[in-house]
Protein backbone atom coordinates (compact mmCIF):
# COMPACT_ATOMS: atom_id res chain seq x y z
CA MET A 1 -13.19 2.19 -20.48
CA HIS A 2 -13.84 3.82 -17.13
CA SER A 3 -11.12 3.79 -14.49
CA GLU A 4 -13.25 1.59 -12.22
CA ASP A 5 -13.19 -1.05 -14.98
CA LYS A 6 -9.39 -1.11 -15.16
CA SER A 7 -7.03 -3.30 -13.20
CA PRO A 8 -4.59 -1.76 -10.73
CA PHE A 9 -1.81 -2.75 -13.16
CA HIS A 10 -3.36 -0.76 -16.00
CA LEU A 11 -4.10 2.23 -13.77
CA LEU A 12 -0.47 2.34 -12.59
CA LYS A 13 0.76 1.97 -16.15
CA GLU A 14 -1.39 4.90 -17.28
CA THR A 15 0.03 7.15 -14.57
CA GLY A 16 3.57 6.60 -15.88
CA TYR A 17 4.59 4.98 -12.59
CA PHE A 18 6.39 2.09 -14.29
CA GLU A 19 8.85 4.45 -15.94
CA LEU A 20 9.30 6.59 -12.81
CA HIS A 21 8.97 3.98 -10.04
CA ASP A 22 12.50 4.54 -8.75
CA GLN A 23 11.79 8.27 -8.37
CA VAL A 24 8.64 7.76 -6.26
CA VAL A 25 9.68 7.27 -2.65
CA VAL A 26 7.74 6.66 0.54
CA SER A 27 8.20 10.27 1.69
CA ASP A 28 6.50 11.52 -1.51
CA ILE A 29 3.54 9.25 -0.87
CA ARG A 30 3.44 10.31 2.79
CA GLU A 31 3.32 13.97 1.78
CA ALA A 32 0.39 13.32 -0.55
CA LEU A 33 -1.44 11.41 2.20
CA THR A 34 -1.08 14.33 4.61
CA ARG A 35 -2.86 16.50 2.03
CA PHE A 36 -5.60 13.89 1.60
CA PRO A 37 -5.83 12.13 4.99
CA GLU A 38 -9.13 10.45 4.11
CA CYS A 39 -7.13 8.23 1.75
CA VAL A 40 -5.41 6.54 4.70
CA LYS A 41 -8.71 5.04 5.81
CA GLU A 42 -9.44 3.90 2.24
CA TRP A 43 -6.05 2.19 1.91
CA MET A 44 -6.50 0.49 5.29
CA GLN A 45 -9.91 -0.72 4.13
CA HIS A 46 -8.33 -1.99 0.91
CA SER A 47 -5.83 -3.97 2.97
CA GLU A 48 -8.56 -5.39 5.19
CA ASP A 49 -10.68 -6.37 2.17
CA LYS A 50 -7.87 -8.31 0.49
CA ARG A 51 -8.41 -12.03 0.68
CA THR A 52 -5.06 -13.00 -0.76
CA SER A 53 -1.46 -13.12 0.24
CA GLY A 54 0.60 -9.97 -0.04
CA TRP A 55 1.11 -6.73 1.85
CA TYR A 56 -1.14 -5.58 4.66
CA ILE A 57 -1.50 -2.68 7.06
CA ILE A 58 -3.25 -2.91 10.42
CA GLN A 59 -3.48 -0.94 13.61
CA ASN A 60 -2.37 -3.17 16.47
CA GLU A 61 -3.54 -3.35 20.10
CA GLU A 62 -0.95 -0.78 21.17
CA GLY A 63 -2.29 1.75 18.66
CA ARG A 64 0.75 1.42 16.39
CA TYR A 65 0.52 0.61 12.72
CA GLU A 66 1.98 -2.63 11.41
CA VAL A 67 2.95 -3.15 7.78
CA GLY A 68 4.01 -6.57 6.62
CA SER A 69 3.34 -9.37 4.22
CA VAL A 70 1.25 -12.46 4.66
CA ALA A 71 1.91 -15.72 2.82
CA GLU A 72 -0.64 -18.11 1.34
CA ASN A 73 -0.41 -20.18 4.54
CA GLY A 74 -1.20 -17.12 6.68
CA GLU A 75 2.33 -16.71 7.99
CA ARG A 76 3.34 -13.07 8.45
CA SER A 77 6.79 -11.67 7.66
CA ASN A 78 8.62 -8.44 6.86
CA GLN A 79 6.72 -6.64 9.62
CA ILE A 80 7.57 -3.15 10.69
CA SER A 81 5.75 -1.13 13.34
CA LEU A 82 5.28 2.60 12.99
CA ASP A 83 3.65 5.26 15.14
CA SER A 84 2.44 7.42 12.27
CA ARG A 85 -0.52 6.27 10.21
CA PHE A 86 0.84 8.38 7.34
CA ASP A 87 4.26 6.69 7.44
CA ALA A 88 2.70 3.24 7.68
CA CYS A 89 0.21 3.84 4.91
CA ALA A 90 2.85 5.31 2.60
CA THR A 91 5.06 2.28 3.24
CA PHE A 92 2.16 -0.07 2.52
CA ILE A 93 1.26 1.76 -0.71
CA LYS A 94 4.83 1.71 -2.03
CA ARG A 95 5.19 -2.01 -1.31
CA GLU A 96 1.77 -2.75 -2.81
CA ILE A 97 2.38 -0.84 -6.03
CA GLU A 98 5.86 -2.31 -6.40
CA ASP A 99 4.34 -5.81 -6.25
CA ILE A 100 1.81 -4.78 -8.90
CA ARG A 101 4.59 -3.33 -11.07
CA SER A 102 6.71 -6.47 -10.77
CA GLY A 103 3.75 -8.77 -11.44
CA LYS A 104 3.64 -10.44 -8.04
């Protein structure tokens, strides 16, 4: 089975993330993103393409990056605003993969 045929859950499981999740912190993800900045755009596109409730990342009118969650009814919560696209994206990724790990 090719990786593009696997669910995000199975991909995370294969990486060993489930066993090490508490050792992977936002700053580790941020560091990786600074080495591969093109991934930030891909993660933002992933967030924009989601048509379900869950975590999101957007750039707001002030040029800051907002990370939060959106409920089924469209109500937003848990928002934080960050200046750095790397910090915001790393925060979004950690929240997103934690939801996948916990089955949300």
